[in-house]
Amino acid sequence: LFAVAAFAAVDVNKATQAELESVKGIGPDIAGKILDERKKGSFKDWADLMARVRGIRNAKAAKLSEAGLTVGEASYAAPPK
């Protein structure tokens, strides 16, 4: 059950640096890391994003997803405990 807020989703595989930085929790540093990794190939899913971009783990991924970040238009779903 997820509430969809009124902001536009930002897909990590399509977003510009400015669009990435518009997501609460992503600053110039993380946006740059995302863009650098994306040059090597698109992110397959959230697990791929978290494996390739240092500083994004479960808690951060959940917050970024809540703020509108998607990977291939998918929101983050935390792994079962």
Protein backbone atom coordinates (compact mmCIF):
# COMPACT_ATOMS: atom_id res chain seq x y z
CA LEU A 1 0.00 0.00 0.00
CA PHE A 2 1.87 3.07 -1.22
CA ALA A 3 0.61 6.62 -1.37
CA VAL A 4 1.63 8.24 -4.62
CA ALA A 5 2.58 11.85 -4.03
CA ALA A 6 1.94 14.63 -6.51
CA PHE A 7 5.52 14.91 -7.73
CA ALA A 8 6.81 13.49 -10.96
CA ALA A 9 8.75 10.26 -10.75
CA VAL A 10 12.42 10.58 -11.64
CA ASP A 11 13.80 7.49 -13.38
CA VAL A 12 17.43 6.91 -12.46
CA ASN A 13 18.13 5.61 -15.98
CA LYS A 14 16.79 8.72 -17.76
CA ALA A 15 17.29 11.65 -15.39
CA THR A 16 19.75 14.50 -15.86
CA GLN A 17 22.01 15.68 -13.03
CA ALA A 18 19.50 18.45 -12.21
CA GLU A 19 16.56 16.03 -12.21
CA LEU A 20 18.43 13.64 -9.91
CA GLU A 21 19.29 16.50 -7.55
CA SER A 22 15.61 17.51 -7.47
CA VAL A 23 14.93 14.28 -5.54
CA LYS A 24 15.08 14.91 -1.79
CA GLY A 25 18.16 13.11 -0.48
CA ILE A 26 20.24 13.27 -3.67
CA GLY A 27 22.90 15.93 -3.76
CA PRO A 28 25.54 16.69 -6.40
CA ASP A 29 27.81 13.93 -5.04
CA ILE A 30 25.33 11.04 -5.34
CA ALA A 31 23.89 12.40 -8.59
CA GLY A 32 27.41 12.40 -10.03
CA LYS A 33 28.04 8.82 -8.87
CA ILE A 34 24.75 7.70 -10.44
CA LEU A 35 25.59 9.37 -13.76
CA ASP A 36 29.14 7.92 -13.76
CA GLU A 37 27.83 4.40 -13.17
CA ARG A 38 25.06 4.84 -15.73
CA LYS A 39 27.69 5.50 -18.42
CA LYS A 40 28.70 1.84 -17.96
CA GLY A 41 25.11 0.70 -18.55
CA SER A 42 21.57 1.21 -17.33
CA PHE A 43 20.60 0.06 -13.86
CA LYS A 44 18.62 -3.18 -14.04
CA ASP A 45 16.81 -2.72 -10.72
CA TRP A 46 17.20 -1.26 -7.24
CA ALA A 47 19.62 -4.02 -6.19
CA ASP A 48 21.85 -3.13 -9.15
CA LEU A 49 21.69 0.58 -8.23
CA MET A 50 22.58 -0.16 -4.60
CA ALA A 51 25.44 -2.46 -5.62
CA ARG A 52 26.95 0.11 -7.98
CA VAL A 53 26.39 3.43 -6.19
CA ARG A 54 28.16 3.76 -2.86
CA GLY A 55 26.01 5.35 -0.19
CA ILE A 56 22.66 3.93 -1.31
CA ARG A 57 21.50 1.08 0.91
CA ASN A 58 18.06 -0.16 2.01
CA ALA A 59 17.09 2.79 4.23
CA LYS A 60 18.37 5.39 1.74
CA ALA A 61 16.74 3.57 -1.19
CA ALA A 62 13.39 3.56 0.63
CA LYS A 63 13.66 7.32 1.29
CA LEU A 64 14.68 8.09 -2.30
CA SER A 65 11.83 5.97 -3.62
CA GLU A 66 9.37 7.83 -1.35
CA ALA A 67 10.80 11.08 -2.76
CA GLY A 68 10.03 9.95 -6.31
CA LEU A 69 13.12 8.09 -7.55
CA THR A 70 12.45 4.99 -9.65
CA VAL A 71 14.62 2.40 -11.38
CA GLY A 72 13.08 1.40 -14.70
CA GLU A 73 9.89 3.07 -13.44
CA ALA A 74 9.78 0.73 -10.42
CA SER A 75 9.61 1.98 -6.84
CA TYR A 76 11.83 0.45 -4.21
CA ALA A 77 10.47 -2.51 -2.26
CA ALA A 78 12.45 -3.39 0.84
CA PRO A 79 13.56 -7.01 1.05
CA PRO A 80 11.58 -9.07 3.56
CA LYS A 81 13.18 -9.22 7.00
